[in-house]
PDB file of all heavy atoms in Angstrom:
ATOM      1  N   ALA A   1      38.955 -73.467 176.200  1.00  0.00           N
ATOM      2  CA  ALA A   1      38.080 -73.006 175.103  1.00  0.00           C
ATOM      3  C   ALA A   1      38.059 -71.506 175.109  1.00  0.00           C
ATOM      4  O   ALA A   1      37.592 -70.782 176.058  1.00  0.00           O
ATOM      5  CB  ALA A   1      36.801 -73.589 175.187  1.00  0.00           C
ATOM      6  N   GLN A   2      38.521 -70.951 173.985  1.00  0.00           N
ATOM      7  CA  GLN A   2      38.462 -69.365 173.812  1.00  0.00           C
ATOM      8  C   GLN A   2      37.094 -68.984 173.255  1.00  0.00           C
ATOM      9  O   GLN A   2      36.498 -67.935 173.615  1.00  0.00           O
ATOM     10  CB  GLN A   2      39.535 -68.950 172.839  1.00  0.00           C
ATOM     11  CG  GLN A   2      39.684 -67.407 172.835  1.00  0.00           C
ATOM     12  CD  GLN A   2      40.667 -67.020 171.764  1.00  0.00           C
ATOM     13  OE1 GLN A   2      40.888 -67.629 170.715  1.00  0.00           O
ATOM     14  NE2 GLN A   2      41.471 -65.968 172.074  1.00  0.00           N
ATOM     15  N   THR A   3      36.475 -69.879 172.513  1.00  0.00           N
ATOM     16  CA  THR A   3      35.082 -69.701 172.110  1.00  0.00           C
ATOM     17  C   THR A   3      34.477 -71.025 172.386  1.00  0.00           C
ATOM     18  O   THR A   3      35.113 -72.048 173.023  1.00  0.00           O
ATOM     19  CB  THR A   3      34.959 -69.388 170.565  1.00  0.00           C
ATOM     20  OG1 THR A   3      35.490 -70.668 169.861  1.00  0.00           O
ATOM     21  CG2 THR A   3      35.768 -68.259 170.179  1.00  0.00           C
ATOM     22  N   ASP A   4      33.088 -71.257 172.223  1.00  0.00           N
ATOM     23  CA  ASP A   4      32.524 -72.542 172.277  1.00  0.00           C
ATOM     24  C   ASP A   4      33.217 -73.449 171.272  1.00  0.00           C
ATOM     25  O   ASP A   4      33.603 -73.110 170.135  1.00  0.00           O
ATOM     26  CB  ASP A   4      31.088 -72.468 171.958  1.00  0.00           C
ATOM     27  CG  ASP A   4      30.170 -71.715 172.846  1.00  0.00           C
ATOM     28  OD1 ASP A   4      30.650 -71.412 173.936  1.00  0.00           O
ATOM     29  OD2 ASP A   4      29.050 -71.326 172.443  1.00  0.00           O
ATOM     30  N   VAL A   5      33.509 -74.712 171.734  1.00  0.00           N
ATOM     31  CA  VAL A   5      34.323 -75.587 171.019  1.00  0.00           C
ATOM     32  C   VAL A   5      33.560 -76.977 170.896  1.00  0.00           C
ATOM     33  O   VAL A   5      32.950 -77.418 171.931  1.00  0.00           O
ATOM     34  CB  VAL A   5      35.622 -75.839 171.704  1.00  0.00           C
ATOM     35  CG1 VAL A   5      36.421 -77.076 171.273  1.00  0.00           C
ATOM     36  CG2 VAL A   5      36.533 -74.572 171.569  1.00  0.00           C
ATOM     37  N   ILE A   6      33.614 -77.624 169.677  1.00  0.00           N
ATOM     38  CA  ILE A   6      33.257 -79.015 169.590  1.00  0.00           C
ATOM     39  C   ILE A   6      34.511 -79.762 169.115  1.00  0.00           C
ATOM     40  O   ILE A   6      35.363 -79.347 168.218  1.00  0.00           O
ATOM     41  CB  ILE A   6      32.187 -79.066 168.486  1.00  0.00           C
ATOM     42  CG1 ILE A   6      30.906 -78.446 168.910  1.00  0.00           C
ATOM     43  CG2 ILE A   6      31.902 -80.556 168.251  1.00  0.00           C
ATOM     44  CD1 ILE A   6      29.808 -78.410 167.970  1.00  0.00           C
ATOM     45  N   CYS A   7      34.846 -80.970 169.825  1.00  0.00           N
ATOM     46  CA  CYS A   7      35.848 -81.655 169.554  1.00  0.00           C
ATOM     47  C   CYS A   7      35.607 -83.163 169.510  1.00  0.00           C
ATOM     48  O   CYS A   7      34.573 -83.636 170.144  1.00  0.00           O
ATOM     49  CB  CYS A   7      37.079 -81.371 170.515  1.00  0.00           C
ATOM     50  SG  CYS A   7      36.782 -81.848 172.198  1.00  0.00           S
ATOM     51  N   LEU A   8      36.525 -84.019 168.905  1.00  0.00           N
ATOM     52  CA  LEU A   8      36.447 -85.403 168.999  1.00  0.00           C
ATOM     53  C   LEU A   8      37.492 -85.872 170.104  1.00  0.00           C
ATOM     54  O   LEU A   8      38.619 -85.494 169.747  1.00  0.00           O
ATOM     55  CB  LEU A   8      36.696 -86.072 167.625  1.00  0.00           C
ATOM     56  CG  LEU A   8      35.594 -85.704 166.546  1.00  0.00           C
ATOM     57  CD1 LEU A   8      36.011 -86.318 165.180  1.00  0.00           C
ATOM     58  CD2 LEU A   8      34.170 -86.384 166.919  1.00  0.00           C
ATOM     59  N   ALA A   9      37.116 -86.554 170.997  1.00  0.00           N
ATOM     60  CA  ALA A   9      38.146 -87.003 172.074  1.00  0.00           C
ATOM     61  C   ALA A   9      38.264 -88.411 171.892  1.00  0.00           C
ATOM     62  O   ALA A   9      37.393 -89.259 171.947  1.00  0.00           O
ATOM     63  CB  ALA A   9      37.457 -86.879 173.364  1.00  0.00           C
ATOM     64  N   TYR A  10      39.592 -88.709 171.485  1.00  0.00           N
ATOM     65  CA  TYR A  10      39.999 -90.130 171.286  1.00  0.00           C
ATOM     66  C   TYR A  10      40.783 -90.714 172.472  1.00  0.00           C
ATOM     67  O   TYR A  10      41.728 -90.027 172.867  1.00  0.00           O
ATOM     68  CB  TYR A  10      41.021 -90.056 170.020  1.00  0.00           C
ATOM     69  CG  TYR A  10      41.398 -91.428 169.589  1.00  0.00           C
ATOM     70  CD1 TYR A  10      40.356 -92.208 168.812  1.00  0.00           C
ATOM     71  CD2 TYR A  10      42.632 -91.953 169.498  1.00  0.00           C
ATOM     72  CE1 TYR A  10      40.699 -93.538 168.351  1.00  0.00           C
ATOM     73  CE2 TYR A  10      43.026 -93.140 168.873  1.00  0.00           C
ATOM     74  CZ  TYR A  10      42.051 -93.966 168.488  1.00  0.00           C
ATOM     75  OH  TYR A  10      42.331 -95.136 167.846  1.00  0.00           O
ATOM     76  N   PRO A  11      40.324 -91.692 173.102  1.00  0.00           N
ATOM     77  CA  PRO A  11      40.929 -92.260 174.233  1.00  0.00           C
ATOM     78  C   PRO A  11      42.393 -92.428 174.181  1.00  0.00           C
ATOM     79  O   PRO A  11      42.883 -92.840 173.308  1.00  0.00           O
ATOM     80  CB  PRO A  11      40.139 -93.540 174.559  1.00  0.00           C
ATOM     81  CG  PRO A  11      38.822 -93.465 173.869  1.00  0.00           C
ATOM     82  CD  PRO A  11      39.247 -92.593 172.620  1.00  0.00           C
ATOM     83  N   TYR A  12      43.212 -92.092 175.223  1.00  0.00           N
ATOM     84  CA  TYR A  12      44.537 -92.198 175.198  1.00  0.00           C
ATOM     85  C   TYR A  12      44.982 -93.564 175.102  1.00  0.00           C
ATOM     86  O   TYR A  12      46.077 -93.872 174.627  1.00  0.00           O
ATOM     87  CB  TYR A  12      45.121 -91.486 176.618  1.00  0.00           C
ATOM     88  CG  TYR A  12      46.124 -90.316 176.241  1.00  0.00           C
ATOM     89  CD1 TYR A  12      46.019 -89.498 175.298  1.00  0.00           C
ATOM     90  CD2 TYR A  12      47.390 -90.398 177.067  1.00  0.00           C
ATOM     91  CE1 TYR A  12      46.941 -88.564 175.074  1.00  0.00           C
ATOM     92  CE2 TYR A  12      48.380 -89.588 176.766  1.00  0.00           C
ATOM     93  CZ  TYR A  12      48.130 -88.593 175.734  1.00  0.00           C
ATOM     94  OH  TYR A  12      49.120 -87.563 175.525  1.00  0.00           O
ATOM     95  N   ALA A  13      44.383 -94.519 175.754  1.00  0.00           N
ATOM     96  CA  ALA A  13      44.794 -95.892 175.684  1.00  0.00           C
ATOM     97  C   ALA A  13      44.789 -96.405 174.155  1.00  0.00           C
ATOM     98  O   ALA A  13      45.618 -97.105 173.647  1.00  0.00           O
ATOM     99  CB  ALA A  13      43.887 -96.796 176.505  1.00  0.00           C
ATOM    100  N   HIS A  14      43.839 -95.993 173.395  1.00  0.00           N
ATOM    101  CA  HIS A  14      43.711 -96.191 171.937  1.00  0.00           C
ATOM    102  C   HIS A  14      44.883 -95.527 171.230  1.00  0.00           C
ATOM    103  O   HIS A  14      45.534 -96.114 170.354  1.00  0.00           O
ATOM    104  CB  HIS A  14      42.354 -95.719 171.383  1.00  0.00           C
ATOM    105  CG  HIS A  14      41.061 -96.552 171.727  1.00  0.00           C
ATOM    106  ND1 HIS A  14      41.004 -96.908 173.122  1.00  0.00           N
ATOM    107  CD2 HIS A  14      40.127 -96.954 171.037  1.00  0.00           C
ATOM    108  CE1 HIS A  14      39.742 -97.609 173.100  1.00  0.00           C
ATOM    109  NE2 HIS A  14      39.256 -97.733 171.895  1.00  0.00           N
ATOM    110  N   ALA A  15      45.092 -94.227 171.597  1.00  0.00           N
ATOM    111  CA  ALA A  15      46.063 -93.574 170.956  1.00  0.00           C
ATOM    112  C   ALA A  15      47.541 -94.107 171.262  1.00  0.00           C
ATOM    113  O   ALA A  15      48.311 -94.191 170.218  1.00  0.00           O
ATOM    114  CB  ALA A  15      46.053 -92.016 171.549  1.00  0.00           C
ATOM    115  N   ARG A  16      47.819 -94.538 172.302  1.00  0.00           N
ATOM    116  CA  ARG A  16      49.152 -95.283 172.656  1.00  0.00           C
ATOM    117  C   ARG A  16      49.301 -96.506 171.743  1.00  0.00           C
ATOM    118  O   ARG A  16      50.340 -96.842 171.142  1.00  0.00           O
ATOM    119  CB  ARG A  16      49.191 -95.681 174.139  1.00  0.00           C
ATOM    120  CG  ARG A  16      49.286 -94.512 175.065  1.00  0.00           C
ATOM    121  CD  ARG A  16      49.727 -94.948 176.493  1.00  0.00           C
ATOM    122  NE  ARG A  16      49.623 -93.888 177.401  1.00  0.00           N
ATOM    123  CZ  ARG A  16      48.593 -93.664 178.251  1.00  0.00           C
ATOM    124  NH1 ARG A  16      47.526 -94.406 178.064  1.00  0.00           N
ATOM    125  NH2 ARG A  16      48.664 -92.669 179.070  1.00  0.00           N
ATOM    126  N   ARG A  17      48.224 -97.256 171.626  1.00  0.00           N
ATOM    127  CA  ARG A  17      48.189 -98.526 170.757  1.00  0.00           C
ATOM    128  C   ARG A  17      48.318 -98.051 169.318  1.00  0.00           C
ATOM    129  O   ARG A  17      49.237 -98.744 168.526  1.00  0.00           O
ATOM    130  CB  ARG A  17      46.949 -99.290 170.986  1.00  0.00           C
ATOM    131  CG  ARG A  17      47.043-100.608 170.160  1.00  0.00           C
ATOM    132  CD  ARG A  17      45.776-101.432 170.413  1.00  0.00           C
ATOM    133  NE  ARG A  17      44.594-100.845 170.074  1.00  0.00           N
ATOM    134  CZ  ARG A  17      43.701-100.425 170.954  1.00  0.00           C
ATOM    135  NH1 ARG A  17      43.898-100.601 172.317  1.00  0.00           N
ATOM    136  NH2 ARG A  17      42.501-100.048 170.599  1.00  0.00           N
ATOM    137  N   GLN A  18      47.760 -96.962 168.774  1.00  0.00           N
ATOM    138  CA  GLN A  18      48.008 -96.514 167.478  1.00  0.00           C
ATOM    139  C   GLN A  18      49.433 -96.009 167.292  1.00  0.00           C
ATOM    140  O   GLN A  18      49.964 -96.324 166.240  1.00  0.00           O
ATOM    141  CB  GLN A  18      46.942 -95.377 167.125  1.00  0.00           C
ATOM    142  CG  GLN A  18      45.491 -95.791 167.126  1.00  0.00           C
ATOM    143  CD  GLN A  18      45.085 -96.751 166.007  1.00  0.00           C
ATOM    144  OE1 GLN A  18      45.874 -96.813 164.975  1.00  0.00           O
ATOM    145  NE2 GLN A  18      44.044 -97.361 166.070  1.00  0.00           N
ATOM    146  N   ARG A  19      49.817 -95.414 168.237  1.00  0.00           N
ATOM    147  CA  ARG A  19      51.387 -94.833 168.195  1.00  0.00           C
ATOM    148  C   ARG A  19      52.254 -96.095 167.945  1.00  0.00           C
ATOM    149  O   ARG A  19      53.217 -95.894 167.175  1.00  0.00           O
ATOM    150  CB  ARG A  19      51.631 -94.209 169.459  1.00  0.00           C
ATOM    151  CG  ARG A  19      53.074 -93.579 169.644  1.00  0.00           C
ATOM    152  CD  ARG A  19      53.472 -93.366 170.988  1.00  0.00           C
ATOM    153  NE  ARG A  19      53.353 -94.416 171.848  1.00  0.00           N
ATOM    154  CZ  ARG A  19      53.205 -94.438 173.175  1.00  0.00           C
ATOM    155  NH1 ARG A  19      53.237 -93.258 173.714  1.00  0.00           N
ATOM    156  NH2 ARG A  19      53.200 -95.557 173.805  1.00  0.00           N
ATOM    157  N   ASP A  20      52.069 -97.038 168.633  1.00  0.00           N
ATOM    158  CA  ASP A  20      53.100 -98.307 168.563  1.00  0.00           C
ATOM    159  C   ASP A  20      52.739 -99.189 167.320  1.00  0.00           C
ATOM    160  O   ASP A  20      53.601 -99.983 166.960  1.00  0.00           O
ATOM    161  CB  ASP A  20      52.890 -99.037 169.825  1.00  0.00           C
ATOM    162  CG  ASP A  20      53.238 -98.289 171.065  1.00  0.00           C
ATOM    163  OD1 ASP A  20      54.008 -97.289 170.953  1.00  0.00           O
ATOM    164  OD2 ASP A  20      52.758 -98.560 172.223  1.00  0.00           O
ATOM    165  N   GLU A  21      51.478 -99.234 166.895  1.00  0.00           N
ATOM    166  CA  GLU A  21      51.181-100.164 165.805  1.00  0.00           C
ATOM    167  C   GLU A  21      50.748 -99.652 164.460  1.00  0.00           C
ATOM    168  O   GLU A  21      50.766-100.346 163.498  1.00  0.00           O
ATOM    169  CB  GLU A  21      50.029-101.047 166.214  1.00  0.00           C
ATOM    170  CG  GLU A  21      50.389-101.806 167.561  1.00  0.00           C
ATOM    171  CD  GLU A  21      49.195-102.508 168.195  1.00  0.00           C
ATOM    172  OE1 GLU A  21      48.061-102.619 167.549  1.00  0.00           O
ATOM    173  OE2 GLU A  21      49.286-103.204 169.336  1.00  0.00           O
ATOM    174  N   ASN A  22      50.424 -98.320 164.350  1.00  0.00           N
ATOM    175  CA  ASN A  22      49.799 -97.813 163.230  1.00  0.00           C
ATOM    176  C   ASN A  22      50.745 -96.736 162.576  1.00  0.00           C
ATOM    177  O   ASN A  22      50.906 -95.628 163.092  1.00  0.00           O
ATOM    178  CB  ASN A  22      48.460 -97.234 163.502  1.00  0.00           C
ATOM    179  CG  ASN A  22      47.715 -96.670 162.196  1.00  0.00           C
ATOM    180  OD1 ASN A  22      48.358 -96.468 161.201  1.00  0.00           O
ATOM    181  ND2 ASN A  22      46.426 -96.444 162.312  1.00  0.00           N
ATOM    182  N   LEU A  23      51.481 -97.149 161.574  1.00  0.00           N
ATOM    183  CA  LEU A  23      52.478 -96.266 160.999  1.00  0.00           C
ATOM    184  C   LEU A  23      51.812 -94.978 160.412  1.00  0.00           C
ATOM    185  O   LEU A  23      52.360 -93.835 160.475  1.00  0.00           O
ATOM    186  CB  LEU A  23      53.274 -96.919 159.916  1.00  0.00           C
ATOM    187  CG  LEU A  23      54.449 -96.098 159.237  1.00  0.00           C
ATOM    188  CD1 LEU A  23      55.455 -95.681 160.426  1.00  0.00           C
ATOM    189  CD2 LEU A  23      55.136 -97.048 158.143  1.00  0.00           C
ATOM    190  N   VAL A  24      50.575 -95.090 159.796  1.00  0.00           N
ATOM    191  CA  VAL A  24      50.007 -93.914 159.187  1.00  0.00           C
ATOM    192  C   VAL A  24      49.714 -92.833 160.372  1.00  0.00           C
ATOM    193  O   VAL A  24      49.886 -91.741 160.250  1.00  0.00           O
ATOM    194  CB  VAL A  24      48.745 -94.286 158.607  1.00  0.00           C
ATOM    195  CG1 VAL A  24      47.794 -93.062 158.113  1.00  0.00           C
ATOM    196  CG2 VAL A  24      48.910 -95.213 157.366  1.00  0.00           C
ATOM    197  N   PHE A  25      49.134 -93.394 161.525  1.00  0.00           N
ATOM    198  CA  PHE A  25      48.937 -92.550 162.653  1.00  0.00           C
ATOM    199  C   PHE A  25      50.195 -91.854 163.176  1.00  0.00           C
ATOM    200  O   PHE A  25      50.306 -90.658 163.401  1.00  0.00           O
ATOM    201  CB  PHE A  25      48.302 -93.330 163.718  1.00  0.00           C
ATOM    202  CG  PHE A  25      48.097 -92.542 164.983  1.00  0.00           C
ATOM    203  CD1 PHE A  25      46.847 -91.903 165.253  1.00  0.00           C
ATOM    204  CD2 PHE A  25      48.901 -92.479 166.009  1.00  0.00           C
ATOM    205  CE1 PHE A  25      46.583 -91.201 166.434  1.00  0.00           C
ATOM    206  CE2 PHE A  25      48.794 -91.938 167.254  1.00  0.00           C
ATOM    207  CZ  PHE A  25      47.557 -91.214 167.362  1.00  0.00           C
ATOM    208  N   LEU A  26      51.236 -92.670 163.184  1.00  0.00           N
ATOM    209  CA  LEU A  26      52.517 -92.144 163.770  1.00  0.00           C
ATOM    210  C   LEU A  26      53.171 -91.038 162.894  1.00  0.00           C
ATOM    211  O   LEU A  26      53.572 -90.016 163.305  1.00  0.00           O
ATOM    212  CB  LEU A  26      53.530 -93.225 163.912  1.00  0.00           C
ATOM    213  CG  LEU A  26      54.914 -92.870 164.534  1.00  0.00           C
ATOM    214  CD1 LEU A  26      54.765 -92.464 165.922  1.00  0.00           C
ATOM    215  CD2 LEU A  26      55.810 -94.076 164.559  1.00  0.00           C
ATOM    216  N   ARG A  27      53.000 -91.322 161.536  1.00  0.00           N
ATOM    217  CA  ARG A  27      53.519 -90.273 160.587  1.00  0.00           C
ATOM    218  C   ARG A  27      52.800 -88.903 160.740  1.00  0.00           C
ATOM    219  O   ARG A  27      53.415 -87.867 160.623  1.00  0.00           O
ATOM    220  CB  ARG A  27      53.541 -90.858 159.251  1.00  0.00           C
ATOM    221  CG  ARG A  27      54.668 -91.855 158.872  1.00  0.00           C
ATOM    222  CD  ARG A  27      54.440 -92.497 157.511  1.00  0.00           C
ATOM    223  NE  ARG A  27      55.582 -93.265 157.014  1.00  0.00           N
ATOM    224  CZ  ARG A  27      55.627 -94.181 156.049  1.00  0.00           C
ATOM    225  NH1 ARG A  27      54.504 -94.126 155.286  1.00  0.00           N
ATOM    226  NH2 ARG A  27      56.611 -94.715 155.733  1.00  0.00           N
ATOM    227  N   GLN A  28      51.511 -88.983 160.883  1.00  0.00           N
ATOM    228  CA  GLN A  28      50.691 -87.829 160.818  1.00  0.00           C
ATOM    229  C   GLN A  28      50.991 -86.961 162.145  1.00  0.00           C
ATOM    230  O   GLN A  28      50.929 -85.758 162.036  1.00  0.00           O
ATOM    231  CB  GLN A  28      49.184 -88.205 160.741  1.00  0.00           C
ATOM    232  CG  GLN A  28      48.196 -86.881 160.686  1.00  0.00           C
ATOM    233  CD  GLN A  28      48.566 -86.095 159.429  1.00  0.00           C
ATOM    234  OE1 GLN A  28      48.800 -86.538 158.306  1.00  0.00           O
ATOM    235  NE2 GLN A  28      48.665 -84.773 159.709  1.00  0.00           N
ATOM    236  N   VAL A  29      50.993 -87.740 163.248  1.00  0.00           N
ATOM    237  CA  VAL A  29      51.410 -87.049 164.567  1.00  0.00           C
ATOM    238  C   VAL A  29      52.765 -86.341 164.394  1.00  0.00           C
ATOM    239  O   VAL A  29      52.922 -85.243 164.880  1.00  0.00           O
ATOM    240  CB  VAL A  29      51.328 -88.018 165.750  1.00  0.00           C
ATOM    241  CG1 VAL A  29      51.895 -87.402 167.035  1.00  0.00           C
ATOM    242  CG2 VAL A  29      49.928 -88.611 165.901  1.00  0.00           C
ATOM    243  N   ALA A  30      53.693 -87.026 163.764  1.00  0.00           N
ATOM    244  CA  ALA A  30      55.121 -86.342 163.478  1.00  0.00           C
ATOM    245  C   ALA A  30      54.930 -85.179 162.615  1.00  0.00           C
ATOM    246  O   ALA A  30      55.556 -84.213 163.000  1.00  0.00           O
ATOM    247  CB  ALA A  30      55.960 -87.426 162.910  1.00  0.00           C
ATOM    248  N   ARG A  31      54.118 -85.189 161.669  1.00  0.00           N
ATOM    249  CA  ARG A  31      53.886 -84.117 160.824  1.00  0.00           C
ATOM    250  C   ARG A  31      53.300 -82.921 161.732  1.00  0.00           C
ATOM    251  O   ARG A  31      53.762 -81.732 161.572  1.00  0.00           O
ATOM    252  CB  ARG A  31      53.007 -84.278 159.625  1.00  0.00           C
ATOM    253  CG  ARG A  31      53.673 -85.240 158.578  1.00  0.00           C
ATOM    254  CD  ARG A  31      52.602 -85.402 157.356  1.00  0.00           C
ATOM    255  NE  ARG A  31      53.060 -86.328 156.425  1.00  0.00           N
ATOM    256  CZ  ARG A  31      52.462 -87.553 156.453  1.00  0.00           C
ATOM    257  NH1 ARG A  31      51.395 -87.797 157.174  1.00  0.00           N
ATOM    258  NH2 ARG A  31      52.980 -88.545 155.434  1.00  0.00           N
TER     259      ARG A  31
END
């Protein structure tokens, strides 16, 4: 953090499942 930071932390296990099953998620990450 360069300044104070607020973020949303999305669990990696969920992200892997979205990568494999959710085309909308995959396309946005590719962008």
